[in-house]
Amino acid sequence: MTGRYPAKMDDKGRLFVPAKLREALGGDFYVTIGANGSHRCLTVYTAEDFHTMETNYNALAVAKRSGASTLIFAFANRCVPDKQFRFPITSEQIRWANLGQEVMIVGRAGQAEIWNSEEYAAFELENLSPEKLLASLEEIGL
C-alpha cells in the first residue's frame, strides 16, 4: 500500500476506501489505534496481517503481553466496506487520532494509516528533509 489520499469522514463516522487501496485491503480489514513516532494515527491492517498479529500475541507468555499491545486489540474494529466502499471509524478511534472531517489516508508498505489532516501535514514538515529521508532509506536497507 502506497500513496496519500485526502478523504472526508461523513456525519456517521465513515470513510471511503480509496480505489487504489481496495484490492490491497481485500473484502474486510481491521482498523485500530496506532502511532507514528510521537504522532497519533490509526493503522489499517489486512485481515491476514491482523490475524498474524493475534497469533503472535497469543503465543507470547502472559507476562510478556504489554498493556499497549493489549490496547491495540481492545480498540480494533473489523471493517467490511458497504456498497459505496465506506467503512466505519469508532468514536474511540476518532478521539485517539483526533480526527475531524478532513483526514489523510497514507499507505505504509503492508498497512495504511489514517491521520488528522493537519497532524499529517505537520508530520510531513517534520520529516521531509534530505537527512531524514537518507536515514530512513538506510534503516530499510537501501
N, C-alpha and C. Protein backbone atom coordinates (compact mmCIF):
# COMPACT_ATOMS: atom_id res chain seq x y z
N MET A 1 0.85 -1.17 0.00
CA MET A 1 0.00 0.00 0.00
C MET A 1 0.89 1.23 0.00
N THR A 2 0.63 2.09 -0.93
CA THR A 2 1.41 3.31 -1.05
C THR A 2 0.49 4.47 -1.41
N GLY A 3 1.00 5.67 -1.27
CA GLY A 3 0.28 6.87 -1.69
C GLY A 3 -0.36 7.61 -0.53
N ARG A 4 -0.82 8.82 -0.85
CA ARG A 4 -1.52 9.68 0.11
C ARG A 4 -2.87 10.02 -0.50
N TYR A 5 -3.92 9.91 0.31
CA TYR A 5 -5.27 10.10 -0.19
C TYR A 5 -6.07 10.98 0.76
N PRO A 6 -6.30 12.24 0.39
CA PRO A 6 -7.17 13.07 1.23
C PRO A 6 -8.57 12.48 1.21
N ALA A 7 -9.23 12.51 2.35
CA ALA A 7 -10.57 11.94 2.45
C ALA A 7 -11.39 12.75 3.44
N LYS A 8 -12.70 12.60 3.33
CA LYS A 8 -13.62 13.27 4.25
C LYS A 8 -14.44 12.22 4.98
N MET A 9 -14.53 12.38 6.29
CA MET A 9 -15.36 11.49 7.09
C MET A 9 -16.79 12.04 7.04
N ASP A 10 -17.76 11.15 6.84
CA ASP A 10 -19.14 11.62 6.81
C ASP A 10 -19.67 11.78 8.23
N ASP A 11 -20.91 12.25 8.34
CA ASP A 11 -21.52 12.52 9.66
C ASP A 11 -21.69 11.27 10.51
N LYS A 12 -21.65 10.09 9.89
CA LYS A 12 -21.79 8.83 10.63
C LYS A 12 -20.44 8.22 10.98
N GLY A 13 -19.33 8.96 10.76
CA GLY A 13 -18.00 8.44 11.10
C GLY A 13 -17.49 7.42 10.11
N ARG A 14 -17.90 7.53 8.85
CA ARG A 14 -17.45 6.58 7.84
C ARG A 14 -16.48 7.26 6.87
N LEU A 15 -15.54 6.46 6.40
CA LEU A 15 -14.58 6.91 5.39
C LEU A 15 -14.75 6.07 4.14
N PHE A 16 -14.37 6.64 3.03
CA PHE A 16 -14.42 5.98 1.73
C PHE A 16 -13.07 5.32 1.48
N VAL A 17 -13.07 4.04 1.07
CA VAL A 17 -11.82 3.34 0.75
C VAL A 17 -11.33 3.84 -0.61
N PRO A 18 -10.14 4.47 -0.67
CA PRO A 18 -9.63 4.90 -1.97
C PRO A 18 -9.49 3.71 -2.92
N ALA A 19 -9.81 3.93 -4.20
CA ALA A 19 -9.80 2.85 -5.19
C ALA A 19 -8.46 2.13 -5.23
N LYS A 20 -7.36 2.86 -5.10
CA LYS A 20 -6.04 2.24 -5.19
C LYS A 20 -5.72 1.34 -4.00
N LEU A 21 -6.48 1.44 -2.92
CA LEU A 21 -6.23 0.59 -1.74
C LEU A 21 -7.20 -0.58 -1.65
N ARG A 22 -8.27 -0.57 -2.42
CA ARG A 22 -9.31 -1.60 -2.29
C ARG A 22 -8.78 -3.00 -2.48
N GLU A 23 -8.04 -3.22 -3.53
CA GLU A 23 -7.53 -4.57 -3.80
C GLU A 23 -6.57 -5.01 -2.71
N ALA A 24 -5.68 -4.11 -2.28
CA ALA A 24 -4.69 -4.46 -1.25
C ALA A 24 -5.35 -4.80 0.07
N LEU A 25 -6.43 -4.10 0.42
CA LEU A 25 -7.10 -4.33 1.70
C LEU A 25 -7.99 -5.56 1.68
N GLY A 26 -8.53 -5.89 0.55
CA GLY A 26 -9.41 -7.05 0.46
C GLY A 26 -10.82 -6.72 0.91
N GLY A 27 -11.64 -7.75 1.06
CA GLY A 27 -13.04 -7.57 1.41
C GLY A 27 -13.28 -7.07 2.81
N ASP A 28 -12.44 -7.47 3.74
CA ASP A 28 -12.54 -6.94 5.10
C ASP A 28 -11.14 -6.68 5.62
N PHE A 29 -11.05 -5.78 6.58
CA PHE A 29 -9.78 -5.38 7.16
C PHE A 29 -10.03 -4.86 8.56
N TYR A 30 -8.97 -4.51 9.26
CA TYR A 30 -9.08 -4.05 10.64
C TYR A 30 -8.46 -2.66 10.79
N VAL A 31 -9.13 -1.84 11.59
CA VAL A 31 -8.62 -0.51 11.93
C VAL A 31 -8.45 -0.49 13.44
N THR A 32 -7.31 0.02 13.90
CA THR A 32 -7.07 0.14 15.33
C THR A 32 -6.19 1.35 15.59
N ILE A 33 -5.99 1.64 16.86
CA ILE A 33 -5.15 2.77 17.22
C ILE A 33 -3.71 2.48 16.83
N GLY A 34 -2.99 3.54 16.53
CA GLY A 34 -1.60 3.39 16.14
C GLY A 34 -0.84 4.67 16.44
N ALA A 35 0.41 4.66 16.09
CA ALA A 35 1.25 5.84 16.29
C ALA A 35 2.37 5.79 15.26
N ASN A 36 2.84 6.94 14.91
CA ASN A 36 3.99 7.06 14.03
C ASN A 36 4.90 8.08 14.70
N GLY A 37 5.94 7.59 15.35
CA GLY A 37 6.75 8.49 16.18
C GLY A 37 5.91 8.97 17.35
N SER A 38 5.90 10.26 17.57
CA SER A 38 5.10 10.82 18.67
C SER A 38 3.71 11.25 18.20
N HIS A 39 3.34 10.89 16.99
CA HIS A 39 2.06 11.30 16.41
C HIS A 39 1.05 10.17 16.50
N ARG A 40 -0.18 10.52 16.89
CA ARG A 40 -1.26 9.55 16.94
C ARG A 40 -1.95 9.45 15.59
N CYS A 41 -2.23 8.24 15.20
CA CYS A 41 -2.98 7.98 13.97
C CYS A 41 -3.69 6.65 14.16
N LEU A 42 -4.40 6.20 13.16
CA LEU A 42 -4.99 4.87 13.16
C LEU A 42 -4.21 4.03 12.16
N THR A 43 -4.13 2.74 12.42
CA THR A 43 -3.46 1.83 11.50
C THR A 43 -4.49 0.87 10.93
N VAL A 44 -4.40 0.66 9.63
CA VAL A 44 -5.30 -0.24 8.91
C VAL A 44 -4.50 -1.47 8.51
N TYR A 45 -4.96 -2.64 8.92
CA TYR A 45 -4.30 -3.91 8.63
C TYR A 45 -5.20 -4.77 7.75
N THR A 46 -4.60 -5.51 6.83
CA THR A 46 -5.38 -6.51 6.12
C THR A 46 -5.84 -7.54 7.15
N ALA A 47 -6.89 -8.28 6.83
CA ALA A 47 -7.37 -9.32 7.75
C ALA A 47 -6.26 -10.33 8.02
N GLU A 48 -5.51 -10.69 6.99
CA GLU A 48 -4.43 -11.66 7.14
C GLU A 48 -3.36 -11.16 8.12
N ASP A 49 -2.93 -9.92 7.94
CA ASP A 49 -1.91 -9.37 8.84
C ASP A 49 -2.43 -9.24 10.27
N PHE A 50 -3.69 -8.87 10.42
CA PHE A 50 -4.25 -8.73 11.77
C PHE A 50 -4.31 -10.09 12.46
N HIS A 51 -4.72 -11.11 11.72
CA HIS A 51 -4.78 -12.46 12.31
C HIS A 51 -3.38 -12.97 12.66
N THR A 52 -2.37 -12.60 11.88
CA THR A 52 -0.99 -12.95 12.22
C THR A 52 -0.59 -12.27 13.53
N MET A 53 -0.97 -11.00 13.69
CA MET A 53 -0.67 -10.30 14.95
C MET A 53 -1.36 -10.99 16.13
N GLU A 54 -2.60 -11.40 15.94
CA GLU A 54 -3.33 -12.12 17.00
C GLU A 54 -2.61 -13.41 17.38
N THR A 55 -2.19 -14.15 16.38
CA THR A 55 -1.48 -15.41 16.63
C THR A 55 -0.18 -15.15 17.39
N ASN A 56 0.57 -14.15 16.95
CA ASN A 56 1.83 -13.82 17.62
C ASN A 56 1.60 -13.36 19.05
N TYR A 57 0.57 -12.56 19.26
CA TYR A 57 0.24 -12.08 20.60
C TYR A 57 -0.15 -13.26 21.51
N ASN A 58 -0.99 -14.14 21.00
CA ASN A 58 -1.43 -15.29 21.80
C ASN A 58 -0.30 -16.26 22.11
N ALA A 59 0.76 -16.26 21.29
CA ALA A 59 1.91 -17.14 21.52
C ALA A 59 2.83 -16.59 22.60
N LEU A 60 2.68 -15.30 22.95
CA LEU A 60 3.53 -14.71 24.00
C LEU A 60 3.15 -15.26 25.37
N ALA A 61 4.14 -15.36 26.24
CA ALA A 61 3.84 -15.67 27.63
C ALA A 61 3.02 -14.51 28.19
N VAL A 62 2.09 -14.81 29.07
CA VAL A 62 1.21 -13.78 29.63
C VAL A 62 2.03 -12.63 30.22
N ALA A 63 3.14 -12.92 30.87
CA ALA A 63 3.96 -11.88 31.48
C ALA A 63 4.58 -10.94 30.45
N LYS A 64 4.67 -11.37 29.20
CA LYS A 64 5.29 -10.54 28.14
C LYS A 64 4.27 -9.72 27.36
N ARG A 65 3.00 -9.90 27.64
CA ARG A 65 1.97 -9.15 26.94
C ARG A 65 1.86 -7.77 27.57
N SER A 66 2.26 -6.76 26.83
CA SER A 66 2.27 -5.40 27.38
C SER A 66 0.88 -4.79 27.32
N GLY A 67 0.69 -3.78 28.17
CA GLY A 67 -0.58 -3.06 28.17
C GLY A 67 -0.87 -2.42 26.83
N ALA A 68 0.16 -1.87 26.19
CA ALA A 68 -0.05 -1.20 24.90
C ALA A 68 -0.50 -2.18 23.83
N SER A 69 0.11 -3.38 23.80
CA SER A 69 -0.31 -4.33 22.77
C SER A 69 -1.74 -4.82 23.03
N THR A 70 -2.12 -4.92 24.29
CA THR A 70 -3.49 -5.29 24.62
C THR A 70 -4.46 -4.24 24.06
N LEU A 71 -4.08 -2.96 24.16
CA LEU A 71 -4.96 -1.89 23.69
C LEU A 71 -5.12 -1.88 22.17
N ILE A 72 -4.10 -2.35 21.47
CA ILE A 72 -4.22 -2.44 20.01
C ILE A 72 -5.39 -3.34 19.64
N PHE A 73 -5.57 -4.43 20.40
CA PHE A 73 -6.68 -5.34 20.14
C PHE A 73 -8.00 -4.81 20.72
N ALA A 74 -7.91 -4.15 21.87
CA ALA A 74 -9.12 -3.62 22.51
C ALA A 74 -9.79 -2.55 21.64
N PHE A 75 -8.98 -1.77 20.93
CA PHE A 75 -9.53 -0.68 20.11
C PHE A 75 -9.72 -1.08 18.64
N ALA A 76 -9.50 -2.34 18.32
CA ALA A 76 -9.61 -2.80 16.93
C ALA A 76 -11.07 -2.89 16.49
N ASN A 77 -11.27 -2.61 15.23
CA ASN A 77 -12.59 -2.66 14.63
C ASN A 77 -12.49 -3.39 13.30
N ARG A 78 -13.22 -4.49 13.16
CA ARG A 78 -13.26 -5.20 11.87
C ARG A 78 -14.16 -4.40 10.95
N CYS A 79 -13.66 -4.11 9.76
CA CYS A 79 -14.40 -3.28 8.80
C CYS A 79 -14.73 -4.08 7.55
N VAL A 80 -15.97 -4.03 7.16
CA VAL A 80 -16.43 -4.59 5.90
C VAL A 80 -17.09 -3.43 5.15
N PRO A 81 -16.42 -2.90 4.13
CA PRO A 81 -16.99 -1.75 3.43
C PRO A 81 -18.37 -2.04 2.85
N ASP A 82 -19.21 -0.99 2.82
CA ASP A 82 -20.53 -1.13 2.22
C ASP A 82 -20.42 -1.02 0.69
N LYS A 83 -21.55 -0.99 0.00
CA LYS A 83 -21.54 -0.97 -1.47
C LYS A 83 -20.88 0.28 -2.05
N GLN A 84 -20.83 1.35 -1.27
CA GLN A 84 -20.16 2.57 -1.71
C GLN A 84 -18.71 2.62 -1.25
N PHE A 85 -18.20 1.51 -0.72
CA PHE A 85 -16.82 1.36 -0.24
C PHE A 85 -16.54 2.26 0.97
N ARG A 86 -17.54 2.50 1.79
CA ARG A 86 -17.35 3.25 3.03
C ARG A 86 -17.18 2.26 4.18
N PHE A 87 -16.40 2.66 5.18
CA PHE A 87 -16.20 1.83 6.36
C PHE A 87 -16.24 2.71 7.60
N PRO A 88 -16.68 2.13 8.73
CA PRO A 88 -16.84 2.93 9.95
C PRO A 88 -15.55 3.09 10.75
N ILE A 89 -15.43 4.24 11.38
CA ILE A 89 -14.39 4.52 12.36
C ILE A 89 -15.12 4.70 13.69
N THR A 90 -14.69 4.03 14.75
CA THR A 90 -15.39 4.13 16.02
C THR A 90 -15.11 5.48 16.68
N SER A 91 -16.00 5.86 17.59
CA SER A 91 -15.81 7.14 18.30
C SER A 91 -14.52 7.13 19.12
N GLU A 92 -14.15 5.98 19.68
CA GLU A 92 -12.90 5.89 20.44
C GLU A 92 -11.69 6.10 19.53
N GLN A 93 -11.74 5.54 18.33
CA GLN A 93 -10.65 5.73 17.37
C GLN A 93 -10.57 7.19 16.91
N ILE A 94 -11.73 7.79 16.68
CA ILE A 94 -11.77 9.20 16.28
C ILE A 94 -11.12 10.06 17.36
N ARG A 95 -11.45 9.80 18.62
CA ARG A 95 -10.85 10.57 19.72
C ARG A 95 -9.34 10.33 19.80
N TRP A 96 -8.91 9.07 19.71
CA TRP A 96 -7.48 8.74 19.81
C TRP A 96 -6.66 9.52 18.79
N ALA A 97 -7.11 9.51 17.53
CA ALA A 97 -6.34 10.13 16.45
C ALA A 97 -6.74 11.59 16.21
N ASN A 98 -7.65 12.10 17.04
CA ASN A 98 -8.11 13.49 16.91
C ASN A 98 -8.59 13.77 15.48
N LEU A 99 -9.41 12.87 14.96
CA LEU A 99 -9.87 13.01 13.59
C LEU A 99 -11.02 13.99 13.50
N GLY A 100 -10.97 14.80 12.47
CA GLY A 100 -12.07 15.68 12.12
C GLY A 100 -12.65 15.20 10.81
N GLN A 101 -13.37 16.06 10.14
CA GLN A 101 -13.97 15.67 8.86
C GLN A 101 -12.90 15.43 7.80
N GLU A 102 -11.84 16.23 7.81
CA GLU A 102 -10.76 16.10 6.82
C GLU A 102 -9.68 15.17 7.37
N VAL A 103 -9.40 14.09 6.66
CA VAL A 103 -8.36 13.15 7.07
C VAL A 103 -7.45 12.86 5.90
N MET A 104 -6.32 12.24 6.21
CA MET A 104 -5.38 11.79 5.18
C MET A 104 -5.18 10.29 5.39
N ILE A 105 -5.39 9.51 4.35
CA ILE A 105 -5.12 8.08 4.38
C ILE A 105 -3.78 7.89 3.68
N VAL A 106 -2.85 7.24 4.38
CA VAL A 106 -1.47 7.14 3.89
C VAL A 106 -1.07 5.67 3.81
N GLY A 107 -0.60 5.24 2.65
CA GLY A 107 -0.09 3.88 2.51
C GLY A 107 1.25 3.75 3.21
N ARG A 108 1.46 2.63 3.88
CA ARG A 108 2.72 2.39 4.60
C ARG A 108 3.11 0.93 4.42
N ALA A 109 3.68 0.63 3.24
CA ALA A 109 4.07 -0.74 2.91
C ALA A 109 2.84 -1.65 3.03
N GLY A 110 2.79 -2.59 3.95
CA GLY A 110 1.68 -3.53 4.07
C GLY A 110 0.49 -3.02 4.85
N GLN A 111 0.55 -1.81 5.37
CA GLN A 111 -0.56 -1.24 6.12
C GLN A 111 -0.88 0.14 5.54
N ALA A 112 -1.92 0.73 6.09
CA ALA A 112 -2.25 2.12 5.80
C ALA A 112 -2.45 2.82 7.14
N GLU A 113 -2.34 4.13 7.13
CA GLU A 113 -2.59 4.92 8.33
C GLU A 113 -3.65 5.96 8.01
N ILE A 114 -4.43 6.30 9.02
CA ILE A 114 -5.45 7.34 8.90
C ILE A 114 -5.07 8.45 9.87
N TRP A 115 -4.87 9.64 9.34
CA TRP A 115 -4.37 10.78 10.11
C TRP A 115 -5.35 11.93 10.10
N ASN A 116 -5.33 12.72 11.16
CA ASN A 116 -5.89 14.06 11.14
C ASN A 116 -5.09 14.81 10.08
N SER A 117 -5.75 15.49 9.15
CA SER A 117 -5.04 16.14 8.04
C SER A 117 -4.00 17.14 8.49
N GLU A 118 -4.31 17.94 9.50
CA GLU A 118 -3.36 18.94 9.99
C GLU A 118 -2.17 18.26 10.67
N GLU A 119 -2.43 17.21 11.42
CA GLU A 119 -1.35 16.46 12.08
C GLU A 119 -0.43 15.82 11.05
N TYR A 120 -1.02 15.30 9.96
CA TYR A 120 -0.19 14.71 8.93
C TYR A 120 0.67 15.76 8.24
N ALA A 121 0.11 16.92 7.99
CA ALA A 121 0.89 18.00 7.36
C ALA A 121 2.08 18.37 8.24
N ALA A 122 1.88 18.44 9.56
CA ALA A 122 2.98 18.73 10.49
C ALA A 122 4.01 17.60 10.46
N PHE A 123 3.56 16.35 10.40
CA PHE A 123 4.45 15.19 10.33
C PHE A 123 5.31 15.27 9.06
N GLU A 124 4.69 15.61 7.94
CA GLU A 124 5.46 15.75 6.70
C GLU A 124 6.53 16.82 6.83
N LEU A 125 6.15 17.99 7.36
CA LEU A 125 7.13 19.07 7.53
C LEU A 125 8.29 18.65 8.42
N GLU A 126 7.96 17.91 9.47
CA GLU A 126 8.96 17.46 10.44
C GLU A 126 9.93 16.45 9.82
N ASN A 127 9.46 15.66 8.89
CA ASN A 127 10.26 14.54 8.38
C ASN A 127 10.74 14.69 6.94
N LEU A 128 10.29 15.70 6.26
CA LEU A 128 10.63 15.85 4.85
C LEU A 128 11.89 16.70 4.69
N SER A 129 13.02 16.06 5.00
CA SER A 129 14.32 16.70 4.80
C SER A 129 15.24 15.66 4.18
N PRO A 130 16.24 16.09 3.41
CA PRO A 130 17.16 15.11 2.81
C PRO A 130 17.83 14.22 3.86
N GLU A 131 18.19 14.78 4.99
CA GLU A 131 18.87 14.00 6.03
C GLU A 131 17.97 12.90 6.57
N LYS A 132 16.73 13.24 6.87
CA LYS A 132 15.80 12.24 7.42
C LYS A 132 15.43 11.20 6.37
N LEU A 133 15.29 11.63 5.13
CA LEU A 133 14.98 10.66 4.07
C LEU A 133 16.12 9.68 3.88
N LEU A 134 17.36 10.18 3.87
CA LEU A 134 18.51 9.28 3.73
C LEU A 134 18.61 8.31 4.90
N ALA A 135 18.39 8.81 6.11
CA ALA A 135 18.41 7.94 7.30
C ALA A 135 17.34 6.86 7.19
N SER A 136 16.17 7.22 6.71
CA SER A 136 15.09 6.25 6.56
C SER A 136 15.44 5.18 5.53
N LEU A 137 16.03 5.60 4.43
CA LEU A 137 16.44 4.63 3.41
C LEU A 137 17.49 3.66 3.96
N GLU A 138 18.41 4.17 4.76
CA GLU A 138 19.42 3.30 5.38
C GLU A 138 18.76 2.31 6.33
N GLU A 139 17.75 2.76 7.10
CA GLU A 139 17.07 1.87 8.04
C GLU A 139 16.41 0.69 7.33
N ILE A 140 15.90 0.91 6.11
CA ILE A 140 15.23 -0.18 5.41
C ILE A 140 16.17 -0.89 4.43
N GLY A 141 17.46 -0.61 4.55
CA GLY A 141 18.45 -1.38 3.81
C GLY A 141 18.75 -0.90 2.40
N LEU A 142 18.45 0.33 2.10
CA LEU A 142 18.74 0.85 0.75
C LEU A 142 19.90 1.82 0.79
